[in-house]
Structures are given as structure tokens and as C-alpha cells.
Amino acid sequence: MFAVIETGGKQYKVCEGDIIFIEKLCAEEGSEVVFDQVKAVSADNGFVAGTPTVAGAKVTANVIANGKSAKIYVFKYKAKKNEKKKIGHRQPYTKVQITKIEA
């Protein structure tokens, strides 16, 4: 059984027990979050695609951690102009474990 959920403007294919990194949520560690934007569900009785979402379907997950990913560097440079700029960025994330998929 799997589901396709949408959160943070991105779509994720999840199964029960999966641990995924998603865009940062306003939820504390150890709390439970419910994703109701379920785009598709595949269960024992077949595959159901939503238009745009599957009615009555929801995915429950536990928040494991909130954090920041590894730093990336953005370097802008213009030749012969003595112009350069170095910027670092760390994208915040929420690590969740999928506990239940309800169709």
C-alpha cells in the first residue's frame, strides 16, 4: 500500500514506515501531523487517483526531528568587473515517519 501526498509544494510517494525529509513544518518533535492533500492511493482493492485529491483519504506521520540540511554555497562572479559575491544557504527540513495511510 502506498500513497502520493503533497506538502510544501512538492509531492512524495510514501508507504507505511517510510522516513522522509519534507519542507519545514510548524510542528514540534514527537508530535503527530496529518496530511490530507492525498493525490493518489494504492491499496489491496486497487488504485484510486484523486481529482485533484482523494476524498476522505489521509496520511498520518510522527515528527522525528526539525533541522537544517548541509550548507551549499552560491558564488556569483562577473569577469573584468571586480564583482563577486559568496552566499551560503542551509535549507530547513522536517524529518517525519509515516505511521498510517487511510484510504
Protein backbone atom coordinates (compact mmCIF):
# COMPACT_ATOMS: atom_id res chain seq x y z
CA MET A 1 0.00 0.00 0.00
CA PHE A 2 1.31 3.45 -0.92
CA ALA A 3 0.04 7.00 -1.26
CA VAL A 4 1.11 10.17 -3.02
CA ILE A 5 0.89 13.22 -0.76
CA GLU A 6 1.52 16.90 -1.37
CA THR A 7 3.20 19.14 1.20
CA GLY A 8 5.38 22.20 0.83
CA GLY A 9 4.60 22.43 -2.89
CA LYS A 10 6.15 19.01 -3.56
CA GLN A 11 4.71 15.53 -3.99
CA TYR A 12 6.03 12.44 -2.20
CA LYS A 13 5.29 8.73 -2.73
CA VAL A 14 5.10 7.18 0.76
CA CYS A 15 4.49 3.78 2.35
CA GLU A 16 3.85 2.94 6.00
CA GLY A 17 7.11 3.04 7.95
CA ASP A 18 8.93 5.33 5.49
CA ILE A 19 11.12 8.12 6.86
CA ILE A 20 11.17 11.19 4.62
CA PHE A 21 12.59 14.71 4.72
CA ILE A 22 9.99 17.36 3.81
CA GLU A 23 9.84 21.14 3.80
CA LYS A 24 9.79 22.59 7.32
CA LEU A 25 6.50 22.29 9.20
CA CYS A 26 5.42 24.24 12.28
CA ALA A 27 5.32 21.08 14.42
CA GLU A 28 7.37 20.04 17.42
CA GLU A 29 9.42 16.86 17.67
CA GLY A 30 7.34 13.90 18.82
CA SER A 31 4.06 15.40 17.63
CA GLU A 32 1.73 13.88 15.06
CA VAL A 33 0.85 15.52 11.73
CA VAL A 34 -1.90 14.61 9.28
CA PHE A 35 -1.56 15.14 5.54
CA ASP A 36 -4.99 15.48 3.91
CA GLN A 37 -3.73 16.51 0.45
CA VAL A 38 -3.59 12.91 -0.82
CA LYS A 39 -3.27 12.82 -4.61
CA ALA A 40 -3.43 9.03 -5.08
CA VAL A 41 -3.81 5.85 -3.03
CA SER A 42 -2.95 2.27 -3.95
CA ALA A 43 -4.40 -0.39 -1.66
CA ASP A 44 -5.45 -4.04 -1.83
CA ASN A 45 -8.70 -3.09 -3.56
CA GLY A 46 -6.95 -1.16 -6.37
CA PHE A 47 -5.56 2.22 -7.32
CA VAL A 48 -7.51 5.45 -6.78
CA ALA A 49 -6.38 8.76 -8.28
CA GLY A 50 -7.87 11.97 -6.97
CA THR A 51 -9.34 14.86 -8.93
CA PRO A 52 -7.37 16.73 -7.53
CA THR A 53 -7.37 14.88 -4.18
CA VAL A 54 -8.82 11.59 -2.94
CA ALA A 55 -11.89 12.31 -0.81
CA GLY A 56 -11.62 11.03 2.76
CA ALA A 57 -8.03 9.84 2.43
CA LYS A 58 -5.36 10.97 4.86
CA VAL A 59 -1.83 10.05 5.86
CA THR A 60 -0.63 10.26 9.47
CA ALA A 61 3.02 10.78 10.42
CA ASN A 62 5.16 11.38 13.50
CA VAL A 63 7.69 14.22 13.55
CA ILE A 64 11.14 12.82 14.32
CA ALA A 65 13.27 15.96 14.03
CA ASN A 66 13.48 19.50 12.73
CA GLY A 67 16.80 20.63 11.33
CA LYS A 68 18.82 22.16 8.53
CA SER A 69 20.43 20.38 5.60
CA ALA A 70 24.08 20.67 4.61
CA LYS A 71 25.33 24.10 3.60
CA ILE A 72 25.54 24.92 -0.08
CA TYR A 73 27.49 27.86 -1.46
CA VAL A 74 26.27 30.19 -4.17
CA PHE A 75 29.06 32.14 -5.85
CA LYS A 76 28.26 34.97 -8.26
CA TYR A 77 31.09 36.38 -10.36
CA LYS A 78 31.37 38.89 -13.17
CA ALA A 79 34.58 38.82 -15.15
CA LYS A 80 36.66 42.02 -15.51
CA LYS A 81 34.32 43.96 -13.18
CA ASN A 82 35.91 43.10 -9.79
CA GLU A 83 32.48 41.91 -8.74
CA LYS A 84 31.99 38.71 -6.76
CA LYS A 85 29.60 37.54 -4.07
CA LYS A 86 29.65 34.37 -1.98
CA ILE A 87 26.47 33.33 -0.16
CA GLY A 88 25.82 30.23 1.96
CA HIS A 89 22.39 28.63 2.44
CA ARG A 90 21.04 25.85 4.69
CA GLN A 91 17.53 24.67 3.82
CA PRO A 92 15.36 23.87 6.86
CA TYR A 93 13.56 20.49 6.88
CA THR A 94 11.29 18.31 8.97
CA LYS A 95 12.03 14.58 9.25
CA VAL A 96 8.83 12.51 9.56
CA GLN A 97 7.98 8.83 9.77
CA ILE A 98 4.76 7.66 8.08
CA THR A 99 2.62 5.68 10.55
CA LYS A 100 -0.75 5.17 8.88
CA ILE A 101 -2.38 5.50 5.45
CA GLU A 102 -6.18 5.69 5.40
CA ALA A 103 -7.97 5.41 2.09
